[in-house]
Amino acid sequence: MALNNRVLMGMTIGTAILLTGCAKQHPGGFTEVARDKVAHTYQFRYQPQNLDQAALNAYISQRCAQEGFDKVDPLPEGPAALPGYKTRWFQCNYSIKN
């Protein structure tokens, strides 16, 4: 019974790792890994040395514009679960017009 539990646990962990690493990578070296529809935020994972910042900025600006927003606020960069990767959240907002 204990062997079966260990095998099942190993399969579960292996599947989780595989799914985490298999998200679609966009041209520019970034992957969208999370979205919060209530807060209008998107999270991306990337390797800083391989990131095309202009491509990421264009992509997130387009996503925010599709939702009717005209401003993107990047939140602080943080470590990712995968070694060598970073994550960053971006929030879609409205510009303040006078």
PDB file of N, CA and C in Angstrom:
ATOM      1  N   MET A   1       0.823  -1.187   0.000  1.00  0.00           N
ATOM      2  CA  MET A   1       0.000   0.000   0.000  1.00  0.00           C
ATOM      3  C   MET A   1       0.876   1.264   0.000  1.00  0.00           C
ATOM      4  N   ALA A   2       1.925   1.277   0.823  1.00  0.00           N
ATOM      5  CA  ALA A   2       2.810   2.445   0.892  1.00  0.00           C
ATOM      6  C   ALA A   2       3.505   2.675  -0.456  1.00  0.00           C
ATOM      7  N   LEU A   3       3.878   1.597  -1.148  1.00  0.00           N
ATOM      8  CA  LEU A   3       4.518   1.721  -2.456  1.00  0.00           C
ATOM      9  C   LEU A   3       3.558   2.369  -3.449  1.00  0.00           C
ATOM     10  N   ASN A   4       2.305   1.948  -3.430  1.00  0.00           N
ATOM     11  CA  ASN A   4       1.312   2.534  -4.330  1.00  0.00           C
ATOM     12  C   ASN A   4       1.133   4.033  -4.067  1.00  0.00           C
ATOM     13  N   ASN A   5       1.124   4.411  -2.796  1.00  0.00           N
ATOM     14  CA  ASN A   5       0.993   5.828  -2.452  1.00  0.00           C
ATOM     15  C   ASN A   5       2.189   6.634  -2.951  1.00  0.00           C
ATOM     16  N   ARG A   6       3.390   6.078  -2.834  1.00  0.00           N
ATOM     17  CA  ARG A   6       4.587   6.775  -3.312  1.00  0.00           C
ATOM     18  C   ARG A   6       4.578   6.899  -4.832  1.00  0.00           C
ATOM     19  N   VAL A   7       4.153   5.846  -5.502  1.00  0.00           N
ATOM     20  CA  VAL A   7       4.087   5.892  -6.968  1.00  0.00           C
ATOM     21  C   VAL A   7       3.064   6.935  -7.405  1.00  0.00           C
ATOM     22  N   LEU A   8       1.902   6.930  -6.763  1.00  0.00           N
ATOM     23  CA  LEU A   8       0.866   7.908  -7.102  1.00  0.00           C
ATOM     24  C   LEU A   8       1.344   9.330  -6.835  1.00  0.00           C
ATOM     25  N   MET A   9       2.015   9.548  -5.717  1.00  0.00           N
ATOM     26  CA  MET A   9       2.538  10.872  -5.385  1.00  0.00           C
ATOM     27  C   MET A   9       3.582  11.303  -6.414  1.00  0.00           C
ATOM     28  N   GLY A  10       4.450  10.411  -6.815  1.00  0.00           N
ATOM     29  CA  GLY A  10       5.464  10.712  -7.820  1.00  0.00           C
ATOM     30  C   GLY A  10       4.844  11.083  -9.156  1.00  0.00           C
ATOM     31  N   MET A  11       3.804  10.352  -9.536  1.00  0.00           N
ATOM     32  CA  MET A  11       3.117  10.647 -10.791  1.00  0.00           C
ATOM     33  C   MET A  11       2.434  12.017 -10.724  1.00  0.00           C
ATOM     34  N   THR A  12       1.847  12.330  -9.588  1.00  0.00           N
ATOM     35  CA  THR A  12       1.165  13.617  -9.423  1.00  0.00           C
ATOM     36  C   THR A  12       2.154  14.763  -9.498  1.00  0.00           C
ATOM     37  N   ILE A  13       3.262  14.648  -8.801  1.00  0.00           N
ATOM     38  CA  ILE A  13       4.285  15.702  -8.821  1.00  0.00           C
ATOM     39  C   ILE A  13       4.878  15.843 -10.221  1.00  0.00           C
ATOM     40  N   GLY A  14       5.160  14.729 -10.856  1.00  0.00           N
ATOM     41  CA  GLY A  14       5.711  14.752 -12.213  1.00  0.00           C
ATOM     42  C   GLY A  14       4.775  15.424 -13.199  1.00  0.00           C
ATOM     43  N   THR A  15       3.502  15.138 -13.089  1.00  0.00           N
ATOM     44  CA  THR A  15       2.508  15.761 -13.964  1.00  0.00           C
ATOM     45  C   THR A  15       2.431  17.261 -13.714  1.00  0.00           C
ATOM     46  N   ALA A  16       2.455  17.667 -12.456  1.00  0.00           N
ATOM     47  CA  ALA A  16       2.395  19.091 -12.126  1.00  0.00           C
ATOM     48  C   ALA A  16       3.604  19.831 -12.694  1.00  0.00           C
ATOM     49  N   ILE A  17       4.772  19.253 -12.577  1.00  0.00           N
ATOM     50  CA  ILE A  17       5.991  19.878 -13.112  1.00  0.00           C
ATOM     51  C   ILE A  17       5.916  19.966 -14.630  1.00  0.00           C
ATOM     52  N   LEU A  18       5.442  18.911 -15.255  1.00  0.00           N
ATOM     53  CA  LEU A  18       5.320  18.889 -16.709  1.00  0.00           C
ATOM     54  C   LEU A  18       4.350  19.957 -17.188  1.00  0.00           C
ATOM     55  N   LEU A  19       3.208  20.083 -16.545  1.00  0.00           N
ATOM     56  CA  LEU A  19       2.225  21.080 -16.947  1.00  0.00           C
ATOM     57  C   LEU A  19       2.727  22.494 -16.720  1.00  0.00           C
ATOM     58  N   THR A  20       3.463  22.711 -15.663  1.00  0.00           N
ATOM     59  CA  THR A  20       4.007  24.035 -15.377  1.00  0.00           C
ATOM     60  C   THR A  20       4.988  24.457 -16.466  1.00  0.00           C
ATOM     61  N   GLY A  21       5.786  23.552 -16.930  1.00  0.00           N
ATOM     62  CA  GLY A  21       6.801  23.871 -17.925  1.00  0.00           C
ATOM     63  C   GLY A  21       6.299  23.870 -19.350  1.00  0.00           C
ATOM     64  N   CYS A  22       5.048  23.496 -19.587  1.00  0.00           N
ATOM     65  CA  CYS A  22       4.531  23.353 -20.944  1.00  0.00           C
ATOM     66  C   CYS A  22       3.572  24.452 -21.362  1.00  0.00           C
ATOM     67  N   ALA A  23       3.535  25.558 -20.651  1.00  0.00           N
ATOM     68  CA  ALA A  23       2.673  26.666 -21.059  1.00  0.00           C
ATOM     69  C   ALA A  23       3.215  27.251 -22.354  1.00  0.00           C
ATOM     70  N   LYS A  24       2.321  27.813 -23.174  1.00  0.00           N
ATOM     71  CA  LYS A  24       2.704  28.344 -24.481  1.00  0.00           C
ATOM     72  C   LYS A  24       3.602  29.568 -24.328  1.00  0.00           C
ATOM     73  N   GLN A  25       4.769  29.498 -24.946  1.00  0.00           N
ATOM     74  CA  GLN A  25       5.681  30.632 -24.907  1.00  0.00           C
ATOM     75  C   GLN A  25       5.442  31.503 -26.133  1.00  0.00           C
ATOM     76  N   HIS A  26       5.309  32.797 -25.914  1.00  0.00           N
ATOM     77  CA  HIS A  26       5.079  33.745 -26.998  1.00  0.00           C
ATOM     78  C   HIS A  26       6.408  34.158 -27.619  1.00  0.00           C
ATOM     79  N   PRO A  27       6.392  34.603 -28.891  1.00  0.00           N
ATOM     80  CA  PRO A  27       7.611  35.170 -29.457  1.00  0.00           C
ATOM     81  C   PRO A  27       8.045  36.334 -28.575  1.00  0.00           C
ATOM     82  N   GLY A  28       9.273  36.353 -28.193  1.00  0.00           N
ATOM     83  CA  GLY A  28       9.763  37.368 -27.263  1.00  0.00           C
ATOM     84  C   GLY A  28      10.219  36.745 -25.960  1.00  0.00           C
ATOM     85  N   GLY A  29       9.983  35.423 -25.797  1.00  0.00           N
ATOM     86  CA  GLY A  29      10.519  34.706 -24.650  1.00  0.00           C
ATOM     87  C   GLY A  29       9.700  34.799 -23.378  1.00  0.00           C
ATOM     88  N   PHE A  30       8.396  35.064 -23.445  1.00  0.00           N
ATOM     89  CA  PHE A  30       7.573  35.141 -22.246  1.00  0.00           C
ATOM     90  C   PHE A  30       6.362  34.217 -22.359  1.00  0.00           C
ATOM     91  N   THR A  31       5.837  33.837 -21.201  1.00  0.00           N
ATOM     92  CA  THR A  31       4.682  32.953 -21.121  1.00  0.00           C
ATOM     93  C   THR A  31       3.673  33.554 -20.163  1.00  0.00           C
ATOM     94  N   GLU A  32       2.421  33.636 -20.603  1.00  0.00           N
ATOM     95  CA  GLU A  32       1.355  34.094 -19.717  1.00  0.00           C
ATOM     96  C   GLU A  32       0.967  32.926 -18.823  1.00  0.00           C
ATOM     97  N   VAL A  33       1.100  33.096 -17.514  1.00  0.00           N
ATOM     98  CA  VAL A  33       0.854  31.981 -16.589  1.00  0.00           C
ATOM     99  C   VAL A  33      -0.352  32.174 -15.688  1.00  0.00           C
ATOM    100  N   ALA A  34      -0.865  33.392 -15.581  1.00  0.00           N
ATOM    101  CA  ALA A  34      -2.036  33.606 -14.727  1.00  0.00           C
ATOM    102  C   ALA A  34      -2.755  34.876 -15.165  1.00  0.00           C
ATOM    103  N   ARG A  35      -4.046  34.909 -14.820  1.00  0.00           N
ATOM    104  CA  ARG A  35      -4.861  36.085 -15.102  1.00  0.00           C
ATOM    105  C   ARG A  35      -5.884  36.228 -13.989  1.00  0.00           C
ATOM    106  N   ASP A  36      -6.045  37.441 -13.510  1.00  0.00           N
ATOM    107  CA  ASP A  36      -7.060  37.737 -12.503  1.00  0.00           C
ATOM    108  C   ASP A  36      -8.058  38.691 -13.147  1.00  0.00           C
ATOM    109  N   LYS A  37      -9.244  38.168 -13.478  1.00  0.00           N
ATOM    110  CA  LYS A  37     -10.243  38.966 -14.185  1.00  0.00           C
ATOM    111  C   LYS A  37     -10.815  40.079 -13.310  1.00  0.00           C
ATOM    112  N   VAL A  38     -10.856  39.880 -12.012  1.00  0.00           N
ATOM    113  CA  VAL A  38     -11.408  40.893 -11.105  1.00  0.00           C
ATOM    114  C   VAL A  38     -10.457  42.085 -10.988  1.00  0.00           C
ATOM    115  N   ALA A  39      -9.172  41.801 -10.819  1.00  0.00           N
ATOM    116  CA  ALA A  39      -8.176  42.869 -10.665  1.00  0.00           C
ATOM    117  C   ALA A  39      -7.613  43.352 -11.997  1.00  0.00           C
ATOM    118  N   HIS A  40      -8.018  42.717 -13.103  1.00  0.00           N
ATOM    119  CA  HIS A  40      -7.536  43.068 -14.441  1.00  0.00           C
ATOM    120  C   HIS A  40      -6.008  42.984 -14.514  1.00  0.00           C
ATOM    121  N   THR A  41      -5.479  41.861 -14.030  1.00  0.00           N
ATOM    122  CA  THR A  41      -4.020  41.657 -14.035  1.00  0.00           C
ATOM    123  C   THR A  41      -3.651  40.395 -14.792  1.00  0.00           C
ATOM    124  N   TYR A  42      -2.440  40.404 -15.323  1.00  0.00           N
ATOM    125  CA  TYR A  42      -1.862  39.262 -16.021  1.00  0.00           C
ATOM    126  C   TYR A  42      -0.491  38.993 -15.426  1.00  0.00           C
ATOM    127  N   GLN A  43      -0.141  37.702 -15.286  1.00  0.00           N
ATOM    128  CA  GLN A  43       1.190  37.342 -14.805  1.00  0.00           C
ATOM    129  C   GLN A  43       1.933  36.628 -15.922  1.00  0.00           C
ATOM    130  N   PHE A  44       3.206  36.994 -16.074  1.00  0.00           N
ATOM    131  CA  PHE A  44       4.059  36.398 -17.090  1.00  0.00           C
ATOM    132  C   PHE A  44       5.302  35.821 -16.444  1.00  0.00           C
ATOM    133  N   ARG A  45       5.817  34.743 -17.043  1.00  0.00           N
ATOM    134  CA  ARG A  45       7.065  34.104 -16.611  1.00  0.00           C
ATOM    135  C   ARG A  45       8.049  34.225 -17.767  1.00  0.00           C
ATOM    136  N   TYR A  46       9.315  34.489 -17.433  1.00  0.00           N
ATOM    137  CA  TYR A  46      10.334  34.651 -18.465  1.00  0.00           C
ATOM    138  C   TYR A  46      11.720  34.509 -17.862  1.00  0.00           C
ATOM    139  N   GLN A  47      12.699  34.273 -18.735  1.00  0.00           N
ATOM    140  CA  GLN A  47      14.106  34.319 -18.349  1.00  0.00           C
ATOM    141  C   GLN A  47      14.599  35.713 -18.730  1.00  0.00           C
ATOM    142  N   PRO A  48      15.056  36.490 -17.755  1.00  0.00           N
ATOM    143  CA  PRO A  48      15.435  37.886 -18.046  1.00  0.00           C
ATOM    144  C   PRO A  48      16.425  38.040 -19.206  1.00  0.00           C
ATOM    145  N   GLN A  49      17.376  37.136 -19.326  1.00  0.00           N
ATOM    146  CA  GLN A  49      18.382  37.262 -20.384  1.00  0.00           C
ATOM    147  C   GLN A  49      17.814  36.963 -21.769  1.00  0.00           C
ATOM    148  N   ASN A  50      16.650  36.304 -21.858  1.00  0.00           N
ATOM    149  CA  ASN A  50      16.054  35.962 -23.155  1.00  0.00           C
ATOM    150  C   ASN A  50      14.805  36.782 -23.470  1.00  0.00           C
ATOM    151  N   LEU A  51      14.431  37.698 -22.607  1.00  0.00           N
ATOM    152  CA  LEU A  51      13.181  38.445 -22.761  1.00  0.00           C
ATOM    153  C   LEU A  51      13.322  39.584 -23.760  1.00  0.00           C
ATOM    154  N   ASP A  52      12.374  39.664 -24.673  1.00  0.00           N
ATOM    155  CA  ASP A  52      12.241  40.822 -25.554  1.00  0.00           C
ATOM    156  C   ASP A  52      11.204  41.733 -24.898  1.00  0.00           C
ATOM    157  N   GLN A  53      11.676  42.722 -24.149  1.00  0.00           N
ATOM    158  CA  GLN A  53      10.797  43.587 -23.363  1.00  0.00           C
ATOM    159  C   GLN A  53       9.795  44.317 -24.246  1.00  0.00           C
ATOM    160  N   ALA A  54      10.215  44.738 -25.435  1.00  0.00           N
ATOM    161  CA  ALA A  54       9.311  45.457 -26.344  1.00  0.00           C
ATOM    162  C   ALA A  54       8.154  44.551 -26.772  1.00  0.00           C
ATOM    163  N   ALA A  55       8.437  43.288 -27.033  1.00  0.00           N
ATOM    164  CA  ALA A  55       7.377  42.343 -27.424  1.00  0.00           C
ATOM    165  C   ALA A  55       6.401  42.113 -26.270  1.00  0.00           C
ATOM    166  N   LEU A  56       6.915  41.980 -25.053  1.00  0.00           N
ATOM    167  CA  LEU A  56       6.046  41.805 -23.890  1.00  0.00           C
ATOM    168  C   LEU A  56       5.177  43.044 -23.676  1.00  0.00           C
ATOM    169  N   ASN A  57       5.773  44.226 -23.775  1.00  0.00           N
ATOM    170  CA  ASN A  57       5.012  45.464 -23.609  1.00  0.00           C
ATOM    171  C   ASN A  57       3.916  45.596 -24.668  1.00  0.00           C
ATOM    172  N   ALA A  58       4.239  45.248 -25.905  1.00  0.00           N
ATOM    173  CA  ALA A  58       3.243  45.323 -26.983  1.00  0.00           C
ATOM    174  C   ALA A  58       2.113  44.333 -26.735  1.00  0.00           C
ATOM    175  N   TYR A  59       2.454  43.122 -26.302  1.00  0.00           N
ATOM    176  CA  TYR A  59       1.438  42.092 -26.054  1.00  0.00           C
ATOM    177  C   TYR A  59       0.500  42.496 -24.924  1.00  0.00           C
ATOM    178  N   ILE A  60       1.048  42.939 -23.798  1.00  0.00           N
ATOM    179  CA  ILE A  60       0.190  43.288 -22.661  1.00  0.00           C
ATOM    180  C   ILE A  60      -0.611  44.552 -22.964  1.00  0.00           C
ATOM    181  N   SER A  61      -0.054  45.492 -23.709  1.00  0.00           N
ATOM    182  CA  SER A  61      -0.807  46.686 -24.104  1.00  0.00           C
ATOM    183  C   SER A  61      -1.998  46.297 -24.971  1.00  0.00           C
ATOM    184  N   GLN A  62      -1.789  45.357 -25.879  1.00  0.00           N
ATOM    185  CA  GLN A  62      -2.877  44.886 -26.744  1.00  0.00           C
ATOM    186  C   GLN A  62      -3.954  44.180 -25.923  1.00  0.00           C
ATOM    187  N   ARG A  63      -3.538  43.325 -24.975  1.00  0.00           N
ATOM    188  CA  ARG A  63      -4.518  42.617 -24.131  1.00  0.00           C
ATOM    189  C   ARG A  63      -5.353  43.601 -23.320  1.00  0.00           C
ATOM    190  N   CYS A  64      -4.701  44.612 -22.746  1.00  0.00           N
ATOM    191  CA  CYS A  64      -5.436  45.607 -21.958  1.00  0.00           C
ATOM    192  C   CYS A  64      -6.384  46.416 -22.846  1.00  0.00           C
ATOM    193  N   ALA A  65      -5.924  46.790 -24.040  1.00  0.00           N
ATOM    194  CA  ALA A  65      -6.762  47.557 -24.966  1.00  0.00           C
ATOM    195  C   ALA A  65      -7.996  46.756 -25.389  1.00  0.00           C
ATOM    196  N   GLN A  66      -7.850  45.447 -25.537  1.00  0.00           N
ATOM    197  CA  GLN A  66      -8.987  44.593 -25.893  1.00  0.00           C
ATOM    198  C   GLN A  66     -10.058  44.615 -24.807  1.00  0.00           C
ATOM    199  N   GLU A  67      -9.656  44.895 -23.588  1.00  0.00           N
ATOM    200  CA  GLU A  67     -10.593  44.964 -22.471  1.00  0.00           C
ATOM    201  C   GLU A  67     -11.070  46.391 -22.209  1.00  0.00           C
ATOM    202  N   GLY A  68     -10.636  47.348 -23.035  1.00  0.00           N
ATOM    203  CA  GLY A  68     -11.084  48.724 -22.906  1.00  0.00           C
ATOM    204  C   GLY A  68     -10.203  49.618 -22.051  1.00  0.00           C
ATOM    205  N   PHE A  69      -9.031  49.144 -21.668  1.00  0.00           N
ATOM    206  CA  PHE A  69      -8.112  49.936 -20.853  1.00  0.00           C
ATOM    207  C   PHE A  69      -7.080  50.615 -21.755  1.00  0.00           C
ATOM    208  N   ASP A  70      -6.554  51.741 -21.297  1.00  0.00           N
ATOM    209  CA  ASP A  70      -5.559  52.456 -22.099  1.00  0.00           C
ATOM    210  C   ASP A  70      -4.233  52.662 -21.378  1.00  0.00           C
ATOM    211  N   LYS A  71      -4.030  51.956 -20.268  1.00  0.00           N
ATOM    212  CA  LYS A  71      -2.793  52.101 -19.505  1.00  0.00           C
ATOM    213  C   LYS A  71      -2.406  50.752 -18.903  1.00  0.00           C
ATOM    214  N   VAL A  72      -1.107  50.477 -18.875  1.00  0.00           N
ATOM    215  CA  VAL A  72      -0.582  49.247 -18.271  1.00  0.00           C
ATOM    216  C   VAL A  72       0.396  49.623 -17.174  1.00  0.00           C
ATOM    217  N   ASP A  73       0.178  49.093 -15.986  1.00  0.00           N
ATOM    218  CA  ASP A  73       1.090  49.331 -14.865  1.00  0.00           C
ATOM    219  C   ASP A  73       1.812  48.036 -14.522  1.00  0.00           C
ATOM    220  N   PRO A  74       3.150  47.987 -14.710  1.00  0.00           N
ATOM    221  CA  PRO A  74       3.893  46.793 -14.297  1.00  0.00           C
ATOM    222  C   PRO A  74       4.062  46.784 -12.780  1.00  0.00           C
ATOM    223  N   LEU A  75       3.887  45.621 -12.200  1.00  0.00           N
ATOM    224  CA  LEU A  75       4.111  45.435 -10.773  1.00  0.00           C
ATOM    225  C   LEU A  75       5.517  44.869 -10.575  1.00  0.00           C
ATOM    226  N   PRO A  76       6.053  44.858  -9.369  1.00  0.00           N
ATOM    227  CA  PRO A  76       7.439  44.413  -9.157  1.00  0.00           C
ATOM    228  C   PRO A  76       7.695  42.981  -9.634  1.00  0.00           C
ATOM    229  N   GLU A  77       8.887  42.794 -10.179  1.00  0.00           N
ATOM    230  CA  GLU A  77       9.323  41.469 -10.635  1.00  0.00           C
ATOM    231  C   GLU A  77       9.596  40.585  -9.430  1.00  0.00           C
ATOM    232  N   GLY A  78       9.304  39.295  -9.569  1.00  0.00           N
ATOM    233  CA  GLY A  78       9.552  38.359  -8.479  1.00  0.00           C
ATOM    234  C   GLY A  78      10.136  37.056  -9.002  1.00  0.00           C
ATOM    235  N   PRO A  79      10.592  36.194  -8.111  1.00  0.00           N
ATOM    236  CA  PRO A  79      11.139  34.907  -8.535  1.00  0.00           C
ATOM    237  C   PRO A  79      10.019  33.971  -8.990  1.00  0.00           C
ATOM    238  N   ALA A  80      10.346  33.070  -9.886  1.00  0.00           N
ATOM    239  CA  ALA A  80       9.402  32.055 -10.363  1.00  0.00           C
ATOM    240  C   ALA A  80       9.735  30.717  -9.716  1.00  0.00           C
ATOM    241  N   ALA A  81       8.830  29.776  -9.858  1.00  0.00           N
ATOM    242  CA  ALA A  81       9.050  28.439  -9.308  1.00  0.00           C
ATOM    243  C   ALA A  81      10.132  27.695 -10.083  1.00  0.00           C
ATOM    244  N   LEU A  82      10.328  28.040 -11.346  1.00  0.00           N
ATOM    245  CA  LEU A  82      11.347  27.385 -12.162  1.00  0.00           C
ATOM    246  C   LEU A  82      12.678  28.111 -12.022  1.00  0.00           C
ATOM    247  N   PRO A  83      13.768  27.397 -11.848  1.00  0.00           N
ATOM    248  CA  PRO A  83      15.087  28.035 -11.701  1.00  0.00           C
ATOM    249  C   PRO A  83      15.453  28.867 -12.934  1.00  0.00           C
ATOM    250  N   GLY A  84      15.982  30.051 -12.710  1.00  0.00           N
ATOM    251  CA  GLY A  84      16.420  30.923 -13.796  1.00  0.00           C
ATOM    252  C   GLY A  84      15.316  31.793 -14.379  1.00  0.00           C
ATOM    253  N   TYR A  85      14.105  31.653 -13.891  1.00  0.00           N
ATOM    254  CA  TYR A  85      12.977  32.422 -14.403  1.00  0.00           C
ATOM    255  C   TYR A  85      12.535  33.474 -13.396  1.00  0.00           C
ATOM    256  N   LYS A  86      11.895  34.513 -13.910  1.00  0.00           N
ATOM    257  CA  LYS A  86      11.276  35.560 -13.100  1.00  0.00           C
ATOM    258  C   LYS A  86       9.803  35.655 -13.504  1.00  0.00           C
ATOM    259  N   THR A  87       8.999  36.227 -12.622  1.00  0.00           N
ATOM    260  CA  THR A  87       7.605  36.494 -12.954  1.00  0.00           C
ATOM    261  C   THR A  87       7.307  37.961 -12.692  1.00  0.00           C
ATOM    262  N   ARG A  88       6.320  38.459 -13.403  1.00  0.00           N
ATOM    263  CA  ARG A  88       5.876  39.838 -13.189  1.00  0.00           C
ATOM    264  C   ARG A  88       4.397  39.925 -13.525  1.00  0.00           C
ATOM    265  N   TRP A  89       3.674  40.648 -12.666  1.00  0.00           N
ATOM    266  CA  TRP A  89       2.271  40.951 -12.897  1.00  0.00           C
ATOM    267  C   TRP A  89       2.167  42.311 -13.568  1.00  0.00           C
ATOM    268  N   PHE A  90       1.183  42.444 -14.451  1.00  0.00           N
ATOM    269  CA  PHE A  90       0.862  43.717 -15.092  1.00  0.00           C
ATOM    270  C   PHE A  90      -0.619  43.989 -14.848  1.00  0.00           C
ATOM    271  N   GLN A  91      -0.942  45.225 -14.487  1.00  0.00           N
ATOM    272  CA  GLN A  91      -2.335  45.585 -14.235  1.00  0.00           C
ATOM    273  C   GLN A  91      -2.832  46.558 -15.294  1.00  0.00           C
ATOM    274  N   CYS A  92      -3.997  46.249 -15.849  1.00  0.00           N
ATOM    275  CA  CYS A  92      -4.639  47.138 -16.827  1.00  0.00           C
ATOM    276  C   CYS A  92      -5.411  48.217 -16.068  1.00  0.00           C
ATOM    277  N   ASN A  93      -5.232  49.467 -16.488  1.00  0.00           N
ATOM    278  CA  ASN A  93      -5.875  50.603 -15.832  1.00  0.00           C
ATOM    279  C   ASN A  93      -6.348  51.618 -16.868  1.00  0.00           C
ATOM    280  N   TYR A  94      -7.015  52.652 -16.382  1.00  0.00           N
ATOM    281  CA  TYR A  94      -7.416  53.793 -17.199  1.00  0.00           C
ATOM    282  C   TYR A  94      -6.482  54.955 -16.904  1.00  0.00           C
ATOM    283  N   SER A  95      -6.117  55.692 -17.953  1.00  0.00           N
ATOM    284  CA  SER A  95      -5.337  56.911 -17.752  1.00  0.00           C
ATOM    285  C   SER A  95      -6.242  57.976 -17.144  1.00  0.00           C
ATOM    286  N   ILE A  96      -5.669  58.841 -16.333  1.00  0.00           N
ATOM    287  CA  ILE A  96      -6.424  59.956 -15.765  1.00  0.00           C
ATOM    288  C   ILE A  96      -6.302  61.108 -16.740  1.00  0.00           C
ATOM    289  N   LYS A  97      -7.450  61.579 -17.212  1.00  0.00           N
ATOM    290  CA  LYS A  97      -7.456  62.671 -18.187  1.00  0.00           C
ATOM    291  C   LYS A  97      -8.033  63.918 -17.532  1.00  0.00           C
ATOM    292  N   ASN A  98      -7.381  65.033 -17.746  1.00  0.00           N
ATOM    293  CA  ASN A  98      -7.846  66.305 -17.162  1.00  0.00           C
ATOM    294  C   ASN A  98      -8.882  66.958 -18.024  1.00  0.00           C
TER     295      ASN A  98
END
